C-alpha atoms as a PDB file:
ATOM      1  CA  MET A   1      -9.362  -7.185 -30.492  1.00  0.00           C
ATOM      2  CA  LYS A   2      -5.541  -7.200 -30.381  1.00  0.00           C
ATOM      3  CA  THR A   3      -4.676  -5.687 -27.036  1.00  0.00           C
ATOM      4  CA  ALA A   4      -1.707  -4.642 -24.921  1.00  0.00           C
ATOM      5  CA  ILE A   5      -2.114  -4.540 -21.131  1.00  0.00           C
ATOM      6  CA  VAL A   6       0.239  -2.402 -19.024  1.00  0.00           C
ATOM      7  CA  THR A   7       0.218  -2.154 -15.232  1.00  0.00           C
ATOM      8  CA  GLY A   8       1.902   0.731 -13.437  1.00  0.00           C
ATOM      9  CA  ALA A   9       0.931   2.837 -16.442  1.00  0.00           C
ATOM     10  CA  SER A  10       0.548   6.164 -14.660  1.00  0.00           C
ATOM     11  CA  SER A  11       4.259   6.957 -14.347  1.00  0.00           C
ATOM     12  CA  GLY A  12       7.829   5.890 -14.939  1.00  0.00           C
ATOM     13  CA  MET A  13       8.605   2.934 -17.129  1.00  0.00           C
ATOM     14  CA  GLY A  14       5.013   1.716 -17.214  1.00  0.00           C
ATOM     15  CA  ARG A  15       3.907   4.991 -18.733  1.00  0.00           C
ATOM     16  CA  GLU A  16       6.824   4.895 -21.163  1.00  0.00           C
ATOM     17  CA  CYS A  17       5.827   1.361 -22.190  1.00  0.00           C
ATOM     18  CA  VAL A  18       2.329   2.579 -23.076  1.00  0.00           C
ATOM     19  CA  ILE A  19       3.751   5.361 -25.241  1.00  0.00           C
ATOM     20  CA  GLN A  20       6.312   3.190 -27.041  1.00  0.00           C
ATOM     21  CA  ILE A  21       3.921   0.283 -27.626  1.00  0.00           C
ATOM     22  CA  ALA A  22       1.403   2.699 -29.130  1.00  0.00           C
ATOM     23  CA  ASP A  23       4.061   4.217 -31.396  1.00  0.00           C
ATOM     24  CA  ARG A  24       5.808   1.021 -32.496  1.00  0.00           C
ATOM     25  CA  PHE A  25       3.135  -1.652 -32.927  1.00  0.00           C
ATOM     26  CA  GLY A  26       0.602  -0.933 -35.636  1.00  0.00           C
ATOM     27  CA  GLY A  27      -1.218  -4.196 -34.988  1.00  0.00           C
ATOM     28  CA  ILE A  28      -2.240  -3.212 -31.451  1.00  0.00           C
ATOM     29  CA  GLU A  29      -5.855  -2.031 -31.552  1.00  0.00           C
ATOM     30  CA  GLU A  30      -6.247  -1.015 -27.910  1.00  0.00           C
ATOM     31  CA  ILE A  31      -4.060  -0.516 -24.849  1.00  0.00           C
ATOM     32  CA  TRP A  32      -5.363  -1.192 -21.366  1.00  0.00           C
ATOM     33  CA  ALA A  33      -3.627   1.151 -18.919  1.00  0.00           C
ATOM     34  CA  ILE A  34      -3.836   0.029 -15.284  1.00  0.00           C
ATOM     35  CA  ALA A  35      -2.844   2.122 -12.267  1.00  0.00           C
ATOM     36  CA  ARG A  36      -4.401   3.687  -9.178  1.00  0.00           C
ATOM     37  CA  ARG A  37      -4.126   7.320 -10.318  1.00  0.00           C
ATOM     38  CA  GLU A  38      -6.895   7.828 -12.853  1.00  0.00           C
ATOM     39  CA  ASP A  39      -5.994  11.474 -13.465  1.00  0.00           C
ATOM     40  CA  ARG A  40      -2.479  10.493 -14.530  1.00  0.00           C
ATOM     41  CA  LEU A  41      -3.857   7.850 -16.864  1.00  0.00           C
ATOM     42  CA  GLU A  42      -6.232  10.373 -18.436  1.00  0.00           C
ATOM     43  CA  GLN A  43      -3.242  12.525 -19.388  1.00  0.00           C
ATOM     44  CA  LEU A  44      -2.099   9.773 -21.751  1.00  0.00           C
ATOM     45  CA  ARG A  45      -5.212   9.873 -23.929  1.00  0.00           C
ATOM     46  CA  GLY A  46      -4.190  12.731 -26.191  1.00  0.00           C
ATOM     47  CA  GLN A  47      -0.675  11.399 -26.675  1.00  0.00           C
ATOM     48  CA  LEU A  48      -1.467   8.041 -28.260  1.00  0.00           C
ATOM     49  CA  PRO A  49      -2.353   7.014 -31.826  1.00  0.00           C
ATOM     50  CA  VAL A  50      -4.422   4.035 -30.561  1.00  0.00           C
ATOM     51  CA  PRO A  51      -7.470   3.821 -28.263  1.00  0.00           C
ATOM     52  CA  LEU A  52      -6.736   3.682 -24.541  1.00  0.00           C
ATOM     53  CA  LYS A  53      -8.868   1.831 -22.008  1.00  0.00           C
ATOM     54  CA  ILE A  54      -8.285   3.258 -18.537  1.00  0.00           C
ATOM     55  CA  LEU A  55      -8.628   0.879 -15.604  1.00  0.00           C
ATOM     56  CA  PRO A  56      -8.010   2.762 -12.315  1.00  0.00           C
ATOM     57  CA  LEU A  57      -7.366  -0.319 -10.173  1.00  0.00           C
ATOM     58  CA  ASN A  58      -5.380  -0.932  -7.001  1.00  0.00           C
ATOM     59  CA  LEU A  59      -3.698  -4.261  -7.675  1.00  0.00           C
ATOM     60  CA  GLU A  60      -2.812  -4.721  -3.998  1.00  0.00           C
ATOM     61  CA  ASP A  61      -6.547  -4.930  -3.291  1.00  0.00           C
ATOM     62  CA  PRO A  62      -8.446  -8.145  -4.156  1.00  0.00           C
ATOM     63  CA  ALA A  63     -11.253  -5.905  -5.442  1.00  0.00           C
ATOM     64  CA  GLY A  64      -8.863  -4.401  -7.999  1.00  0.00           C
ATOM     65  CA  LEU A  65      -7.852  -7.832  -9.272  1.00  0.00           C
ATOM     66  CA  ALA A  66     -11.510  -8.860  -9.396  1.00  0.00           C
ATOM     67  CA  GLY A  67     -12.217  -5.789 -11.521  1.00  0.00           C
ATOM     68  CA  LEU A  68      -9.518  -6.792 -13.995  1.00  0.00           C
ATOM     69  CA  GLU A  69     -10.790 -10.368 -14.102  1.00  0.00           C
ATOM     70  CA  ALA A  70     -14.345  -9.200 -14.778  1.00  0.00           C
ATOM     71  CA  GLU A  71     -13.224  -6.908 -17.624  1.00  0.00           C
ATOM     72  CA  LEU A  72     -11.179  -9.701 -19.218  1.00  0.00           C
ATOM     73  CA  LYS A  73     -14.156 -12.063 -19.098  1.00  0.00           C
ATOM     74  CA  ARG A  74     -16.468  -9.408 -20.521  1.00  0.00           C
ATOM     75  CA  VAL A  75     -14.269  -8.330 -23.445  1.00  0.00           C
ATOM     76  CA  ARG A  76     -12.227 -11.517 -24.021  1.00  0.00           C
ATOM     77  CA  PRO A  77      -9.367  -9.619 -25.703  1.00  0.00           C
ATOM     78  CA  GLN A  78      -6.593 -11.185 -27.742  1.00  0.00           C
ATOM     79  CA  VAL A  79      -3.658 -10.029 -25.649  1.00  0.00           C
ATOM     80  CA  ARG A  80      -0.459  -9.619 -27.648  1.00  0.00           C
ATOM     81  CA  ILE A  81       1.634  -7.767 -25.066  1.00  0.00           C
ATOM     82  CA  LEU A  82       1.456  -7.880 -21.264  1.00  0.00           C
ATOM     83  CA  VAL A  83       3.638  -5.509 -19.266  1.00  0.00           C
ATOM     84  CA  ASN A  84       3.822  -5.847 -15.489  1.00  0.00           C
ATOM     85  CA  ALA A  85       5.484  -2.573 -14.503  1.00  0.00           C
ATOM     86  CA  ALA A  86       3.590  -1.851 -11.273  1.00  0.00           C
ATOM     87  CA  GLY A  87       5.919  -1.891  -8.295  1.00  0.00           C
ATOM     88  CA  CYS A  88       7.036  -0.094  -5.188  1.00  0.00           C
ATOM     89  CA  GLY A  89      10.098   0.086  -2.972  1.00  0.00           C
ATOM     90  CA  LYS A  90      11.156   1.590   0.319  1.00  0.00           C
ATOM     91  CA  ASN A  91      14.756   2.325   1.165  1.00  0.00           C
ATOM     92  CA  GLY A  92      15.974   1.477   4.657  1.00  0.00           C
ATOM     93  CA  ARG A  93      16.906  -1.368   6.971  1.00  0.00           C
ATOM     94  CA  ILE A  94      14.506  -4.270   7.302  1.00  0.00           C
ATOM     95  CA  GLY A  95      12.139  -3.493  10.159  1.00  0.00           C
ATOM     96  CA  SER A  96      12.675   0.277   9.979  1.00  0.00           C
ATOM     97  CA  ALA A  97       9.577   0.988   7.865  1.00  0.00           C
ATOM     98  CA  ALA A  98       5.971   0.425   8.873  1.00  0.00           C
ATOM     99  CA  LEU A  99       4.783  -3.162   8.632  1.00  0.00           C
ATOM    100  CA  ALA A 100       2.230  -2.216   5.973  1.00  0.00           C
ATOM    101  CA  GLN A 101       4.972  -0.698   3.814  1.00  0.00           C
ATOM    102  CA  GLU A 102       7.218  -3.752   4.040  1.00  0.00           C
ATOM    103  CA  THR A 103       4.477  -6.294   3.348  1.00  0.00           C
ATOM    104  CA  GLY A 104       3.019  -3.973   0.709  1.00  0.00           C
ATOM    105  CA  MET A 105       6.207  -4.329  -1.342  1.00  0.00           C
ATOM    106  CA  VAL A 106       5.712  -8.082  -1.396  1.00  0.00           C
ATOM    107  CA  ARG A 107       2.028  -7.814  -2.255  1.00  0.00           C
ATOM    108  CA  LEU A 108       2.509  -5.451  -5.181  1.00  0.00           C
ATOM    109  CA  ASN A 109       5.873  -6.576  -6.540  1.00  0.00           C
ATOM    110  CA  CYS A 110       5.225 -10.319  -6.219  1.00  0.00           C
ATOM    111  CA  GLU A 111       1.613 -11.239  -5.490  1.00  0.00           C
ATOM    112  CA  ALA A 112      -0.012  -8.711  -7.816  1.00  0.00           C
ATOM    113  CA  LEU A 113       2.420  -9.522 -10.628  1.00  0.00           C
ATOM    114  CA  CYS A 114       1.595 -13.232 -10.266  1.00  0.00           C
ATOM    115  CA  ALA A 115      -2.119 -12.507 -10.095  1.00  0.00           C
ATOM    116  CA  VAL A 116      -2.191 -10.294 -13.195  1.00  0.00           C
ATOM    117  CA  THR A 117      -0.125 -12.812 -15.145  1.00  0.00           C
ATOM    118  CA  HIS A 118      -2.442 -15.635 -14.046  1.00  0.00           C
ATOM    119  CA  LEU A 119      -5.550 -13.699 -15.061  1.00  0.00           C
ATOM    120  CA  VAL A 120      -4.186 -12.672 -18.459  1.00  0.00           C
ATOM    121  CA  LEU A 121      -2.618 -16.014 -19.465  1.00  0.00           C
ATOM    122  CA  PRO A 122      -5.862 -17.516 -20.858  1.00  0.00           C
ATOM    123  CA  TYR A 123      -6.177 -14.531 -23.217  1.00  0.00           C
ATOM    124  CA  LEU A 124      -2.580 -14.501 -24.478  1.00  0.00           C
ATOM    125  CA  ALA A 125      -2.266 -15.327 -28.151  1.00  0.00           C
ATOM    126  CA  ASP A 126       0.522 -17.544 -29.434  1.00  0.00           C
ATOM    127  CA  HIS A 127       3.650 -15.574 -30.381  1.00  0.00           C
ATOM    128  CA  SER A 128       2.768 -12.831 -27.873  1.00  0.00           C
ATOM    129  CA  ARG A 129       5.129 -11.192 -25.398  1.00  0.00           C
ATOM    130  CA  ILE A 130       5.297 -10.597 -21.631  1.00  0.00           C
ATOM    131  CA  LEU A 131       7.575  -8.020 -20.005  1.00  0.00           C
ATOM    132  CA  GLN A 132       8.036  -8.361 -16.243  1.00  0.00           C
ATOM    133  CA  PHE A 133       9.843  -5.441 -14.631  1.00  0.00           C
ATOM    134  CA  ALA A 134      12.395  -6.729 -12.167  1.00  0.00           C
ATOM    135  CA  SER A 135      15.642  -4.877 -11.361  1.00  0.00           C
ATOM    136  CA  ALA A 136      19.400  -5.294 -11.331  1.00  0.00           C
ATOM    137  CA  ALA A 137      18.845  -5.496  -7.565  1.00  0.00           C
ATOM    138  CA  ALA A 138      17.648  -9.045  -8.282  1.00  0.00           C
ATOM    139  CA  PHE A 139      21.234 -10.124  -8.984  1.00  0.00           C
ATOM    140  CA  LEU A 140      22.560  -9.541  -5.460  1.00  0.00           C
ATOM    141  CA  PRO A 141      21.030  -9.043  -1.988  1.00  0.00           C
ATOM    142  CA  GLN A 142      20.824  -5.330  -1.164  1.00  0.00           C
ATOM    143  CA  PRO A 143      21.382  -4.322   2.472  1.00  0.00           C
ATOM    144  CA  ASP A 144      19.259  -1.220   3.221  1.00  0.00           C
ATOM    145  CA  PHE A 145      17.023  -2.137   0.283  1.00  0.00           C
ATOM    146  CA  GLY A 146      16.608  -5.771   1.226  1.00  0.00           C
ATOM    147  CA  ILE A 147      12.899  -6.453   0.833  1.00  0.00           C
ATOM    148  CA  TYR A 148      12.684  -4.688  -2.514  1.00  0.00           C
ATOM    149  CA  ALA A 149      15.696  -6.610  -3.859  1.00  0.00           C
ATOM    150  CA  ALA A 150      14.235  -9.889  -2.613  1.00  0.00           C
ATOM    151  CA  THR A 151      10.950  -9.226  -4.394  1.00  0.00           C
ATOM    152  CA  LYS A 152      12.801  -8.515  -7.635  1.00  0.00           C
ATOM    153  CA  ALA A 153      14.828 -11.723  -7.269  1.00  0.00           C
ATOM    154  CA  PHE A 154      11.451 -13.472  -7.095  1.00  0.00           C
ATOM    155  CA  VAL A 155      10.282 -11.708 -10.265  1.00  0.00           C
ATOM    156  CA  LEU A 156      13.449 -12.741 -12.098  1.00  0.00           C
ATOM    157  CA  SER A 157      13.166 -16.408 -11.078  1.00  0.00           C
ATOM    158  CA  TYR A 158       9.420 -16.507 -11.781  1.00  0.00           C
ATOM    159  CA  SER A 159       9.874 -14.932 -15.201  1.00  0.00           C
ATOM    160  CA  ARG A 160      12.656 -17.317 -16.225  1.00  0.00           C
ATOM    161  CA  ALA A 161      10.488 -20.314 -15.294  1.00  0.00           C
ATOM    162  CA  LEU A 162       7.451 -18.929 -17.125  1.00  0.00           C
ATOM    163  CA  HIS A 163       9.596 -18.229 -20.195  1.00  0.00           C
ATOM    164  CA  GLU A 164      10.451 -21.925 -20.395  1.00  0.00           C
ATOM    165  CA  GLU A 165       6.869 -23.050 -19.775  1.00  0.00           C
ATOM    166  CA  LEU A 166       5.525 -20.880 -22.600  1.00  0.00           C
ATOM    167  CA  ARG A 167       8.324 -21.581 -25.061  1.00  0.00           C
ATOM    168  CA  GLU A 168       6.240 -24.139 -26.997  1.00  0.00           C
ATOM    169  CA  ARG A 169       3.710 -21.387 -27.779  1.00  0.00           C
ATOM    170  CA  ASP A 170       6.492 -18.959 -28.775  1.00  0.00           C
ATOM    171  CA  ILE A 171       5.470 -16.614 -25.960  1.00  0.00           C
ATOM    172  CA  ALA A 172       8.621 -14.919 -24.705  1.00  0.00           C
ATOM    173  CA  VAL A 173       8.741 -13.708 -21.110  1.00  0.00           C
ATOM    174  CA  THR A 174      11.403 -11.057 -20.581  1.00  0.00           C
ATOM    175  CA  ALA A 175      12.553 -10.010 -17.119  1.00  0.00           C
ATOM    176  CA  VAL A 176      13.612  -6.364 -17.377  1.00  0.00           C
ATOM    177  CA  CYS A 177      16.494  -5.688 -14.986  1.00  0.00           C
ATOM    178  CA  PRO A 178      17.674  -2.068 -15.093  1.00  0.00           C
ATOM    179  CA  GLY A 179      19.854  -0.320 -12.574  1.00  0.00           C
ATOM    180  CA  PRO A 180      18.821   3.100 -11.204  1.00  0.00           C
ATOM    181  CA  VAL A 181      16.364   4.808 -13.583  1.00  0.00           C
ATOM    182  CA  ARG A 182      15.506   8.488 -13.564  1.00  0.00           C
ATOM    183  CA  THR A 183      11.841   8.244 -12.477  1.00  0.00           C
ATOM    184  CA  GLU A 184       9.776   9.343  -9.486  1.00  0.00           C
ATOM    185  CA  PHE A 185      10.185   5.822  -8.080  1.00  0.00           C
ATOM    186  CA  LEU A 186      13.511   6.808  -6.502  1.00  0.00           C
ATOM    187  CA  GLU A 187      11.927   9.769  -4.724  1.00  0.00           C
ATOM    188  CA  LEU A 188       9.031   7.687  -3.419  1.00  0.00           C
ATOM    189  CA  ALA A 189      11.437   4.988  -2.269  1.00  0.00           C
ATOM    190  CA  GLY A 190      13.548   7.523  -0.411  1.00  0.00           C
ATOM    191  CA  SER A 191      16.524   6.478  -2.497  1.00  0.00           C
ATOM    192  CA  THR A 192      17.489   9.817  -3.980  1.00  0.00           C
ATOM    193  CA  GLU A 193      19.122  11.106  -0.814  1.00  0.00           C
ATOM    194  CA  ALA A 194      20.345   7.733   0.426  1.00  0.00           C
ATOM    195  CA  MET A 195      21.805   6.597  -2.884  1.00  0.00           C
ATOM    196  CA  PRO A 196      25.605   6.150  -2.836  1.00  0.00           C
ATOM    197  CA  SER A 197      27.267   8.754  -5.005  1.00  0.00           C
ATOM    198  CA  TYR A 198      28.800   6.156  -7.324  1.00  0.00           C
ATOM    199  CA  LYS A 199      25.326   4.917  -8.312  1.00  0.00           C
ATOM    200  CA  ARG A 200      24.416   8.330  -9.692  1.00  0.00           C
ATOM    201  CA  TYR A 201      26.849   7.745 -12.552  1.00  0.00           C
ATOM    202  CA  PHE A 202      24.810   4.717 -13.647  1.00  0.00           C
ATOM    203  CA  MET A 203      21.438   6.475 -13.764  1.00  0.00           C
ATOM    204  CA  ALA A 204      19.505   5.553 -16.921  1.00  0.00           C
ATOM    205  CA  GLU A 205      16.725   7.282 -18.821  1.00  0.00           C
ATOM    206  CA  PRO A 206      13.380   5.447 -18.915  1.00  0.00           C
ATOM    207  CA  LYS A 207      12.979   5.882 -22.686  1.00  0.00           C
ATOM    208  CA  ARG A 208      16.214   4.031 -23.372  1.00  0.00           C
ATOM    209  CA  VAL A 209      15.516   1.281 -20.836  1.00  0.00           C
ATOM    210  CA  VAL A 210      12.059   0.636 -22.291  1.00  0.00           C
ATOM    211  CA  LYS A 211      13.291   0.790 -25.897  1.00  0.00           C
ATOM    212  CA  LYS A 212      15.863  -1.927 -25.180  1.00  0.00           C
ATOM    213  CA  ALA A 213      13.365  -3.968 -23.150  1.00  0.00           C
ATOM    214  CA  ILE A 214      10.877  -4.019 -26.021  1.00  0.00           C
ATOM    215  CA  ARG A 215      13.590  -4.887 -28.523  1.00  0.00           C
ATOM    216  CA  ASP A 216      14.871  -7.734 -26.337  1.00  0.00           C
ATOM    217  CA  SER A 217      11.308  -8.965 -25.846  1.00  0.00           C
ATOM    218  CA  MET A 218      10.649  -9.033 -29.580  1.00  0.00           C
ATOM    219  CA  MET A 219      13.870 -11.031 -30.008  1.00  0.00           C
ATOM    220  CA  GLY A 220      12.650 -13.555 -27.451  1.00  0.00           C
ATOM    221  CA  ARG A 221      15.335 -12.868 -24.848  1.00  0.00           C
ATOM    222  CA  PRO A 222      14.546 -13.964 -21.278  1.00  0.00           C
ATOM    223  CA  ILE A 223      16.433 -11.067 -19.636  1.00  0.00           C
ATOM    224  CA  SER A 224      16.921  -7.435 -20.642  1.00  0.00           C
ATOM    225  CA  VAL A 225      19.714  -5.503 -18.918  1.00  0.00           C
ATOM    226  CA  TYR A 226      20.265  -1.925 -20.053  1.00  0.00           C
ATOM    227  CA  GLY A 227      23.765  -0.459 -20.129  1.00  0.00           C
ATOM    228  CA  LEU A 228      27.287  -1.800 -20.009  1.00  0.00           C
ATOM    229  CA  SER A 229      27.641  -1.049 -16.290  1.00  0.00           C
ATOM    230  CA  MET A 230      24.627  -3.188 -15.285  1.00  0.00           C
ATOM    231  CA  GLN A 231      25.615  -5.931 -17.718  1.00  0.00           C
ATOM    232  CA  THR A 232      29.035  -5.989 -16.061  1.00  0.00           C
ATOM    233  CA  PHE A 233      27.403  -6.050 -12.628  1.00  0.00           C
ATOM    234  CA  ARG A 234      25.305  -9.046 -13.643  1.00  0.00           C
ATOM    235  CA  LEU A 235      28.402 -10.865 -14.895  1.00  0.00           C
ATOM    236  CA  LEU A 236      30.276 -10.174 -11.642  1.00  0.00           C
ATOM    237  CA  CYS A 237      27.318 -11.490  -9.649  1.00  0.00           C
ATOM    238  CA  ARG A 238      27.501 -14.723 -11.611  1.00  0.00           C
ATOM    239  CA  LEU A 239      31.269 -15.135 -11.312  1.00  0.00           C
ATOM    240  CA  LEU A 240      32.211 -13.919  -7.824  1.00  0.00           C
ATOM    241  CA  PRO A 241      31.058 -15.086  -4.377  1.00  0.00           C
ATOM    242  CA  GLN A 242      28.163 -13.035  -3.035  1.00  0.00           C
ATOM    243  CA  ASP A 243      29.894 -12.533   0.328  1.00  0.00           C
ATOM    244  CA  LEU A 244      32.817 -10.836  -1.425  1.00  0.00           C
ATOM    245  CA  LEU A 245      30.538  -8.620  -3.495  1.00  0.00           C
ATOM    246  CA  LEU A 246      28.512  -7.637  -0.431  1.00  0.00           C
ATOM    247  CA  ARG A 247      31.670  -6.604   1.440  1.00  0.00           C
ATOM    248  CA  ILE A 248      32.810  -4.510  -1.528  1.00  0.00           C
ATOM    249  CA  LYS A 249      29.384  -2.914  -1.780  1.00  0.00           C
ATOM    250  CA  GLN A 250      29.368  -2.022   1.915  1.00  0.00           C
ATOM    251  CA  LYS A 251      32.779  -0.380   1.629  1.00  0.00           C
ATOM    252  CA  LEU A 252      31.630   1.672  -1.338  1.00  0.00           C
END
């Protein structure tokens, strides 16, 4: 069975990926939607033209990963698209949040993403696609959002390496690196109130970010950056010293 697997599918860009994959890829016979909130996943059922398998798993918990592994072994799907969109962030200085929150960002954003990718790799067909949701925060350290940005830098580096390793099978791995996106993530992260006013002008819509990410993935691009402003930011991060950019950012 030709399958797409999407983590973080209950909200935000993960949910949007489920909807757009279902609408755009006629060859996909089933979508596996993974998230903790089963009720939110159930809401997707009536919106999709393809069957939806709901897996209410907590990917930070070894039991959740074991559940995914068991289902993969039982069904042995032919995975054509893997989307790792599960993630979390907490705004604030390093050490200001609870220890569980800070280490939880690393577990979900890095460890769970690695684990899901590892588990799914044996079932990926040649010429398939992987989308790993990173962030434009991966391009430059982010004071007051430091742990989150560091985890996304990991995702970017990991995805670029995996893209090269899978090139011979024509499996493209695309690191999706948007700037601020209008989802509930910002509210949960505590970023809505703390966000500098200039960043509000760069807020993107999840539908557009996901549409570009899927298009870039199908074209085999290793990185997808939505919007001229974030593309310019990435270029500046490659050309200018980080110390200079950090001082400018702090002044803004």
